Amino acid sequence: MKDLVKVIAISLVDHPEEVVVTERETDHSLILELHVAPEDMGKVIGKQGRIAKAMRTVVKAAASKDEKKVIVDIAQ
C-alpha cells in the first residue's frame, strides 16, 4: 500500500524527491501518512479534495482483500 500511495503522489507533484510515505499500524487499521513539499500540497489535495478522495478510493480498493482498514492521511 505504501508503494502505491508513493507512486500516485510522485506522478502528481513537481518535487517528487520530497514525497515521503510513512506507515503506522494499529490493531485494526493501517495508517499511511503522505508528506509532500508545501507548494505541492494543492496538487495532491485537488479542488474540493477530489484528488485526495480518489487516491483514498484507489487504496481502499487495493486493500479490500485485507482484514485491516487503510487510512491515507495527507500531512503538512
PDB file of N, CA and C in Angstrom:
ATOM      1  N   MET A   1       0.825  -1.196   0.000  1.00  0.00           N
ATOM      2  CA  MET A   1       0.000   0.000   0.000  1.00  0.00           C
ATOM      3  C   MET A   1       0.871   1.265   0.000  1.00  0.00           C
ATOM      4  N   LYS A   2       1.949   1.198   0.773  1.00  0.00           N
ATOM      5  CA  LYS A   2       2.852   2.339   0.883  1.00  0.00           C
ATOM      6  C   LYS A   2       3.407   2.721  -0.496  1.00  0.00           C
ATOM      7  N   ASP A   3       3.807   1.726  -1.269  1.00  0.00           N
ATOM      8  CA  ASP A   3       4.356   1.996  -2.595  1.00  0.00           C
ATOM      9  C   ASP A   3       3.308   2.554  -3.547  1.00  0.00           C
ATOM     10  N   LEU A   4       2.084   2.083  -3.432  1.00  0.00           N
ATOM     11  CA  LEU A   4       1.001   2.577  -4.276  1.00  0.00           C
ATOM     12  C   LEU A   4       0.755   4.063  -4.039  1.00  0.00           C
ATOM     13  N   VAL A   5       0.684   4.464  -2.785  1.00  0.00           N
ATOM     14  CA  VAL A   5       0.469   5.876  -2.451  1.00  0.00           C
ATOM     15  C   VAL A   5       1.636   6.725  -2.960  1.00  0.00           C
ATOM     16  N   LYS A   6       2.850   6.210  -2.814  1.00  0.00           N
ATOM     17  CA  LYS A   6       4.028   6.957  -3.247  1.00  0.00           C
ATOM     18  C   LYS A   6       4.041   7.140  -4.760  1.00  0.00           C
ATOM     19  N   VAL A   7       3.711   6.100  -5.511  1.00  0.00           N
ATOM     20  CA  VAL A   7       3.682   6.185  -6.974  1.00  0.00           C
ATOM     21  C   VAL A   7       2.636   7.194  -7.438  1.00  0.00           C
ATOM     22  N   ILE A   8       1.476   7.161  -6.833  1.00  0.00           N
ATOM     23  CA  ILE A   8       0.418   8.112  -7.205  1.00  0.00           C
ATOM     24  C   ILE A   8       0.856   9.535  -6.901  1.00  0.00           C
ATOM     25  N   ALA A   9       1.412   9.762  -5.717  1.00  0.00           N
ATOM     26  CA  ALA A   9       1.821  11.107  -5.318  1.00  0.00           C
ATOM     27  C   ALA A   9       2.951  11.639  -6.191  1.00  0.00           C
ATOM     28  N   ILE A  10       3.917  10.798  -6.506  1.00  0.00           N
ATOM     29  CA  ILE A  10       5.044  11.235  -7.336  1.00  0.00           C
ATOM     30  C   ILE A  10       4.561  11.671  -8.714  1.00  0.00           C
ATOM     31  N   SER A  11       3.555  11.015  -9.241  1.00  0.00           N
ATOM     32  CA  SER A  11       3.039  11.381 -10.566  1.00  0.00           C
ATOM     33  C   SER A  11       2.289  12.713 -10.555  1.00  0.00           C
ATOM     34  N   LEU A  12       1.899  13.190  -9.378  1.00  0.00           N
ATOM     35  CA  LEU A  12       1.118  14.418  -9.286  1.00  0.00           C
ATOM     36  C   LEU A  12       1.952  15.675  -9.004  1.00  0.00           C
ATOM     37  N   VAL A  13       3.078  15.536  -8.334  1.00  0.00           N
ATOM     38  CA  VAL A  13       3.798  16.696  -7.790  1.00  0.00           C
ATOM     39  C   VAL A  13       4.915  17.186  -8.701  1.00  0.00           C
ATOM     40  N   ASP A  14       5.397  18.415  -8.414  1.00  0.00           N
ATOM     41  CA  ASP A  14       6.530  18.992  -9.134  1.00  0.00           C
ATOM     42  C   ASP A  14       7.862  18.617  -8.500  1.00  0.00           C
ATOM     43  N   HIS A  15       7.846  18.256  -7.209  1.00  0.00           N
ATOM     44  CA  HIS A  15       9.063  17.905  -6.483  1.00  0.00           C
ATOM     45  C   HIS A  15       8.963  16.468  -5.980  1.00  0.00           C
ATOM     46  N   PRO A  16       9.135  15.480  -6.867  1.00  0.00           N
ATOM     47  CA  PRO A  16       8.957  14.083  -6.461  1.00  0.00           C
ATOM     48  C   PRO A  16       9.971  13.607  -5.427  1.00  0.00           C
ATOM     49  N   GLU A  17      11.113  14.262  -5.357  1.00  0.00           N
ATOM     50  CA  GLU A  17      12.130  13.853  -4.381  1.00  0.00           C
ATOM     51  C   GLU A  17      11.717  14.142  -2.944  1.00  0.00           C
ATOM     52  N   GLU A  18      10.721  14.996  -2.749  1.00  0.00           N
ATOM     53  CA  GLU A  18      10.262  15.343  -1.407  1.00  0.00           C
ATOM     54  C   GLU A  18       9.042  14.530  -0.953  1.00  0.00           C
ATOM     55  N   VAL A  19       8.612  13.575  -1.753  1.00  0.00           N
ATOM     56  CA  VAL A  19       7.476  12.728  -1.390  1.00  0.00           C
ATOM     57  C   VAL A  19       7.958  11.641  -0.425  1.00  0.00           C
ATOM     58  N   VAL A  20       7.335  11.600   0.747  1.00  0.00           N
ATOM     59  CA  VAL A  20       7.667  10.595   1.755  1.00  0.00           C
ATOM     60  C   VAL A  20       6.363  10.002   2.271  1.00  0.00           C
ATOM     61  N   VAL A  21       6.314   8.678   2.327  1.00  0.00           N
ATOM     62  CA  VAL A  21       5.143   7.981   2.860  1.00  0.00           C
ATOM     63  C   VAL A  21       5.604   7.163   4.069  1.00  0.00           C
ATOM     64  N   THR A  22       4.993   7.438   5.205  1.00  0.00           N
ATOM     65  CA  THR A  22       5.305   6.660   6.408  1.00  0.00           C
ATOM     66  C   THR A  22       4.109   5.780   6.745  1.00  0.00           C
ATOM     67  N   GLU A  23       4.395   4.677   7.388  1.00  0.00           N
ATOM     68  CA  GLU A  23       3.373   3.676   7.652  1.00  0.00           C
ATOM     69  C   GLU A  23       3.313   3.390   9.151  1.00  0.00           C
ATOM     70  N   ARG A  24       2.099   3.470   9.705  1.00  0.00           N
ATOM     71  CA  ARG A  24       1.871   3.110  11.113  1.00  0.00           C
ATOM     72  C   ARG A  24       0.769   2.069  11.145  1.00  0.00           C
ATOM     73  N   GLU A  25       0.950   1.083  11.993  1.00  0.00           N
ATOM     74  CA  GLU A  25      -0.040   0.016  12.083  1.00  0.00           C
ATOM     75  C   GLU A  25      -0.639  -0.007  13.482  1.00  0.00           C
ATOM     76  N   THR A  26      -1.961  -0.048  13.547  1.00  0.00           N
ATOM     77  CA  THR A  26      -2.666  -0.203  14.812  1.00  0.00           C
ATOM     78  C   THR A  26      -3.340  -1.573  14.810  1.00  0.00           C
ATOM     79  N   ASP A  27      -4.156  -1.823  15.806  1.00  0.00           N
ATOM     80  CA  ASP A  27      -4.805  -3.134  15.906  1.00  0.00           C
ATOM     81  C   ASP A  27      -5.683  -3.465  14.696  1.00  0.00           C
ATOM     82  N   HIS A  28      -6.468  -2.496  14.250  1.00  0.00           N
ATOM     83  CA  HIS A  28      -7.433  -2.772  13.189  1.00  0.00           C
ATOM     84  C   HIS A  28      -7.242  -1.928  11.942  1.00  0.00           C
ATOM     85  N   SER A  29      -6.171  -1.128  11.884  1.00  0.00           N
ATOM     86  CA  SER A  29      -6.002  -0.271  10.715  1.00  0.00           C
ATOM     87  C   SER A  29      -4.535  -0.049  10.378  1.00  0.00           C
ATOM     88  N   LEU A  30      -4.320   0.370   9.156  1.00  0.00           N
ATOM     89  CA  LEU A  30      -3.007   0.734   8.656  1.00  0.00           C
ATOM     90  C   LEU A  30      -3.099   2.194   8.251  1.00  0.00           C
ATOM     91  N   ILE A  31      -2.255   3.046   8.836  1.00  0.00           N
ATOM     92  CA  ILE A  31      -2.304   4.479   8.560  1.00  0.00           C
ATOM     93  C   ILE A  31      -1.098   4.844   7.708  1.00  0.00           C
ATOM     94  N   LEU A  32      -1.365   5.408   6.547  1.00  0.00           N
ATOM     95  CA  LEU A  32      -0.315   5.854   5.641  1.00  0.00           C
ATOM     96  C   LEU A  32      -0.298   7.377   5.656  1.00  0.00           C
ATOM     97  N   GLU A  33       0.814   7.961   6.084  1.00  0.00           N
ATOM     98  CA  GLU A  33       0.956   9.415   6.107  1.00  0.00           C
ATOM     99  C   GLU A  33       1.759   9.844   4.897  1.00  0.00           C
ATOM    100  N   LEU A  34       1.187  10.743   4.118  1.00  0.00           N
ATOM    101  CA  LEU A  34       1.834  11.258   2.918  1.00  0.00           C
ATOM    102  C   LEU A  34       2.355  12.655   3.204  1.00  0.00           C
ATOM    103  N   HIS A  35       3.650  12.850   2.987  1.00  0.00           N
ATOM    104  CA  HIS A  35       4.283  14.152   3.169  1.00  0.00           C
ATOM    105  C   HIS A  35       4.803  14.613   1.808  1.00  0.00           C
ATOM    106  N   VAL A  36       4.434  15.837   1.420  1.00  0.00           N
ATOM    107  CA  VAL A  36       4.919  16.424   0.166  1.00  0.00           C
ATOM    108  C   VAL A  36       5.427  17.828   0.449  1.00  0.00           C
ATOM    109  N   ALA A  37       6.072  18.424  -0.539  1.00  0.00           N
ATOM    110  CA  ALA A  37       6.549  19.797  -0.410  1.00  0.00           C
ATOM    111  C   ALA A  37       5.343  20.724  -0.236  1.00  0.00           C
ATOM    112  N   PRO A  38       5.499  21.799   0.543  1.00  0.00           N
ATOM    113  CA  PRO A  38       4.358  22.713   0.776  1.00  0.00           C
ATOM    114  C   PRO A  38       3.726  23.253  -0.505  1.00  0.00           C
ATOM    115  N   GLU A  39       4.532  23.517  -1.521  1.00  0.00           N
ATOM    116  CA  GLU A  39       3.964  24.053  -2.765  1.00  0.00           C
ATOM    117  C   GLU A  39       3.238  22.993  -3.590  1.00  0.00           C
ATOM    118  N   ASP A  40       3.423  21.719  -3.267  1.00  0.00           N
ATOM    119  CA  ASP A  40       2.726  20.636  -3.962  1.00  0.00           C
ATOM    120  C   ASP A  40       1.465  20.172  -3.242  1.00  0.00           C
ATOM    121  N   MET A  41       1.195  20.730  -2.078  1.00  0.00           N
ATOM    122  CA  MET A  41       0.059  20.288  -1.273  1.00  0.00           C
ATOM    123  C   MET A  41      -1.258  20.408  -2.055  1.00  0.00           C
ATOM    124  N   GLY A  42      -1.449  21.496  -2.765  1.00  0.00           N
ATOM    125  CA  GLY A  42      -2.680  21.701  -3.526  1.00  0.00           C
ATOM    126  C   GLY A  42      -2.860  20.690  -4.646  1.00  0.00           C
ATOM    127  N   LYS A  43      -1.762  20.256  -5.227  1.00  0.00           N
ATOM    128  CA  LYS A  43      -1.838  19.277  -6.310  1.00  0.00           C
ATOM    129  C   LYS A  43      -2.250  17.903  -5.795  1.00  0.00           C
ATOM    130  N   VAL A  44      -1.847  17.581  -4.583  1.00  0.00           N
ATOM    131  CA  VAL A  44      -2.187  16.282  -4.003  1.00  0.00           C
ATOM    132  C   VAL A  44      -3.622  16.279  -3.484  1.00  0.00           C
ATOM    133  N   ILE A  45      -4.072  17.422  -2.978  1.00  0.00           N
ATOM    134  CA  ILE A  45      -5.435  17.501  -2.444  1.00  0.00           C
ATOM    135  C   ILE A  45      -6.448  17.721  -3.562  1.00  0.00           C
ATOM    136  N   GLY A  46      -6.168  18.627  -4.473  1.00  0.00           N
ATOM    137  CA  GLY A  46      -7.063  18.907  -5.593  1.00  0.00           C
ATOM    138  C   GLY A  46      -8.206  19.823  -5.188  1.00  0.00           C
ATOM    139  N   LYS A  47      -8.949  20.275  -6.187  1.00  0.00           N
ATOM    140  CA  LYS A  47     -10.087  21.152  -5.922  1.00  0.00           C
ATOM    141  C   LYS A  47     -11.138  20.391  -5.131  1.00  0.00           C
ATOM    142  N   GLN A  48     -11.537  20.976  -4.017  1.00  0.00           N
ATOM    143  CA  GLN A  48     -12.531  20.405  -3.111  1.00  0.00           C
ATOM    144  C   GLN A  48     -12.166  18.982  -2.669  1.00  0.00           C
ATOM    145  N   GLY A  49     -10.853  18.679  -2.656  1.00  0.00           N
ATOM    146  CA  GLY A  49     -10.391  17.384  -2.165  1.00  0.00           C
ATOM    147  C   GLY A  49     -10.619  16.213  -3.097  1.00  0.00           C
ATOM    148  N   ARG A  50     -10.859  16.501  -4.359  1.00  0.00           N
ATOM    149  CA  ARG A  50     -11.196  15.419  -5.294  1.00  0.00           C
ATOM    150  C   ARG A  50     -10.036  14.456  -5.524  1.00  0.00           C
ATOM    151  N   ILE A  51      -8.814  14.980  -5.664  1.00  0.00           N
ATOM    152  CA  ILE A  51      -7.652  14.113  -5.898  1.00  0.00           C
ATOM    153  C   ILE A  51      -7.394  13.244  -4.671  1.00  0.00           C
ATOM    154  N   ALA A  52      -7.451  13.851  -3.483  1.00  0.00           N
ATOM    155  CA  ALA A  52      -7.230  13.102  -2.248  1.00  0.00           C
ATOM    156  C   ALA A  52      -8.283  12.008  -2.083  1.00  0.00           C
ATOM    157  N   LYS A  53      -9.520  12.323  -2.396  1.00  0.00           N
ATOM    158  CA  LYS A  53     -10.598  11.337  -2.280  1.00  0.00           C
ATOM    159  C   LYS A  53     -10.392  10.193  -3.270  1.00  0.00           C
ATOM    160  N   ALA A  54      -9.976  10.521  -4.481  1.00  0.00           N
ATOM    161  CA  ALA A  54      -9.724   9.487  -5.488  1.00  0.00           C
ATOM    162  C   ALA A  54      -8.563   8.592  -5.066  1.00  0.00           C
ATOM    163  N   MET A  55      -7.517   9.189  -4.489  1.00  0.00           N
ATOM    164  CA  MET A  55      -6.376   8.417  -4.016  1.00  0.00           C
ATOM    165  C   MET A  55      -6.805   7.456  -2.902  1.00  0.00           C
ATOM    166  N   ARG A  56      -7.625   7.947  -1.987  1.00  0.00           N
ATOM    167  CA  ARG A  56      -8.114   7.102  -0.895  1.00  0.00           C
ATOM    168  C   ARG A  56      -8.985   5.958  -1.428  1.00  0.00           C
ATOM    169  N   THR A  57      -9.777   6.234  -2.453  1.00  0.00           N
ATOM    170  CA  THR A  57     -10.635   5.212  -3.048  1.00  0.00           C
ATOM    171  C   THR A  57      -9.811   4.111  -3.698  1.00  0.00           C
ATOM    172  N   VAL A  58      -8.747   4.492  -4.416  1.00  0.00           N
ATOM    173  CA  VAL A  58      -7.886   3.514  -5.072  1.00  0.00           C
ATOM    174  C   VAL A  58      -7.193   2.632  -4.032  1.00  0.00           C
ATOM    175  N   VAL A  59      -6.686   3.250  -2.973  1.00  0.00           N
ATOM    176  CA  VAL A  59      -6.001   2.496  -1.924  1.00  0.00           C
ATOM    177  C   VAL A  59      -6.979   1.572  -1.204  1.00  0.00           C
ATOM    178  N   LYS A  60      -8.177   2.060  -0.953  1.00  0.00           N
ATOM    179  CA  LYS A  60      -9.195   1.227  -0.294  1.00  0.00           C
ATOM    180  C   LYS A  60      -9.554   0.028  -1.157  1.00  0.00           C
ATOM    181  N   ALA A  61      -9.654   0.231  -2.466  1.00  0.00           N
ATOM    182  CA  ALA A  61      -9.962  -0.875  -3.367  1.00  0.00           C
ATOM    183  C   ALA A  61      -8.814  -1.882  -3.409  1.00  0.00           C
ATOM    184  N   ALA A  62      -7.601  -1.407  -3.379  1.00  0.00           N
ATOM    185  CA  ALA A  62      -6.444  -2.303  -3.402  1.00  0.00           C
ATOM    186  C   ALA A  62      -6.328  -3.092  -2.108  1.00  0.00           C
ATOM    187  N   ALA A  63      -6.799  -2.524  -1.003  1.00  0.00           N
ATOM    188  CA  ALA A  63      -6.695  -3.176   0.299  1.00  0.00           C
ATOM    189  C   ALA A  63      -7.952  -3.954   0.671  1.00  0.00           C
ATOM    190  N   SER A  64      -8.890  -4.087  -0.232  1.00  0.00           N
ATOM    191  CA  SER A  64     -10.170  -4.713   0.105  1.00  0.00           C
ATOM    192  C   SER A  64     -10.027  -6.182   0.509  1.00  0.00           C
ATOM    193  N   LYS A  65      -8.995  -6.858   0.038  1.00  0.00           N
ATOM    194  CA  LYS A  65      -8.826  -8.269   0.391  1.00  0.00           C
ATOM    195  C   LYS A  65      -8.231  -8.455   1.781  1.00  0.00           C
ATOM    196  N   ASP A  66      -7.633  -7.402   2.341  1.00  0.00           N
ATOM    197  CA  ASP A  66      -7.053  -7.485   3.689  1.00  0.00           C
ATOM    198  C   ASP A  66      -8.133  -7.250   4.735  1.00  0.00           C
ATOM    199  N   GLU A  67      -7.868  -7.681   5.925  1.00  0.00           N
ATOM    200  CA  GLU A  67      -8.804  -7.502   7.036  1.00  0.00           C
ATOM    201  C   GLU A  67      -8.727  -6.104   7.638  1.00  0.00           C
ATOM    202  N   LYS A  68      -7.612  -5.395   7.411  1.00  0.00           N
ATOM    203  CA  LYS A  68      -7.404  -4.103   8.055  1.00  0.00           C
ATOM    204  C   LYS A  68      -7.953  -2.953   7.220  1.00  0.00           C
ATOM    205  N   LYS A  69      -8.339  -1.907   7.906  1.00  0.00           N
ATOM    206  CA  LYS A  69      -8.785  -0.679   7.260  1.00  0.00           C
ATOM    207  C   LYS A  69      -7.544   0.150   6.937  1.00  0.00           C
ATOM    208  N   VAL A  70      -7.497   0.736   5.755  1.00  0.00           N
ATOM    209  CA  VAL A  70      -6.352   1.552   5.354  1.00  0.00           C
ATOM    210  C   VAL A  70      -6.776   3.015   5.323  1.00  0.00           C
ATOM    211  N   ILE A  71      -6.027   3.848   6.033  1.00  0.00           N
ATOM    212  CA  ILE A  71      -6.306   5.273   6.105  1.00  0.00           C
ATOM    213  C   ILE A  71      -5.153   6.031   5.459  1.00  0.00           C
ATOM    214  N   VAL A  72      -5.455   6.907   4.509  1.00  0.00           N
ATOM    215  CA  VAL A  72      -4.440   7.747   3.887  1.00  0.00           C
ATOM    216  C   VAL A  72      -4.580   9.141   4.493  1.00  0.00           C
ATOM    217  N   ASP A  73      -3.529   9.590   5.147  1.00  0.00           N
ATOM    218  CA  ASP A  73      -3.518  10.886   5.812  1.00  0.00           C
ATOM    219  C   ASP A  73      -2.500  11.773   5.111  1.00  0.00           C
ATOM    220  N   ILE A  74      -2.938  12.933   4.633  1.00  0.00           N
ATOM    221  CA  ILE A  74      -2.039  13.875   3.972  1.00  0.00           C
ATOM    222  C   ILE A  74      -1.569  14.858   5.021  1.00  0.00           C
ATOM    223  N   ALA A  75      -0.302  14.775   5.390  1.00  0.00           N
ATOM    224  CA  ALA A  75       0.256  15.597   6.464  1.00  0.00           C
ATOM    225  C   ALA A  75       1.029  16.780   5.892  1.00  0.00           C
ATOM    226  N   GLN A  76       1.112  17.824   6.702  1.00  0.00           N
ATOM    227  CA  GLN A  76       1.874  19.009   6.277  1.00  0.00           C
ATOM    228  C   GLN A  76       3.252  18.993   6.865  1.00  0.00           C
TER     229      GLN A  76
END
